[in-house]
């Protein structure tokens, strides 16, 4: 193991300066750093950063936030599931509709959706909703089905 002066010299040779060199240097300044007890940590309310579309929100003290030390975490507020939910359902006079997502080249296979039950029926790939005008009344738009 290196002494603190040797480890600081190694860090300087490798180009580590500033906060990193102070962090690894060792010595008296590390002995005076206050370390909170587990009880103090449990009583502290958790502070979280911005929530992502996958539900990730890290505590301010979480080590995974270190990758966002020099740049802020960029979160897109336009979540695809919310955007497709804003589209109106597509009315159909047929009992079965075909959804292909617009273009086959985008990877969405052809899906045939049965519209016999009242309510809206969503495609399991793209989320587009369909309903049968003969089976679904206005008050039944709150009934949702998903077809995969």
Foldseek 3Di string as FASTA:
>chain_A
DDDLVVVLVVCVVVPDDDPVSVVSSDDDVVVPDDDDDPVVVVPDDFDWDDAAPVGDTDTPPDPVCVVCPPHHDDHDPCDQLVVLVPDDAAEDQDQKDWDQPPDVVVVRHIDIDGQQAEEWEAEPPRGHIYHYPVHYDPVRPVDYHYDD
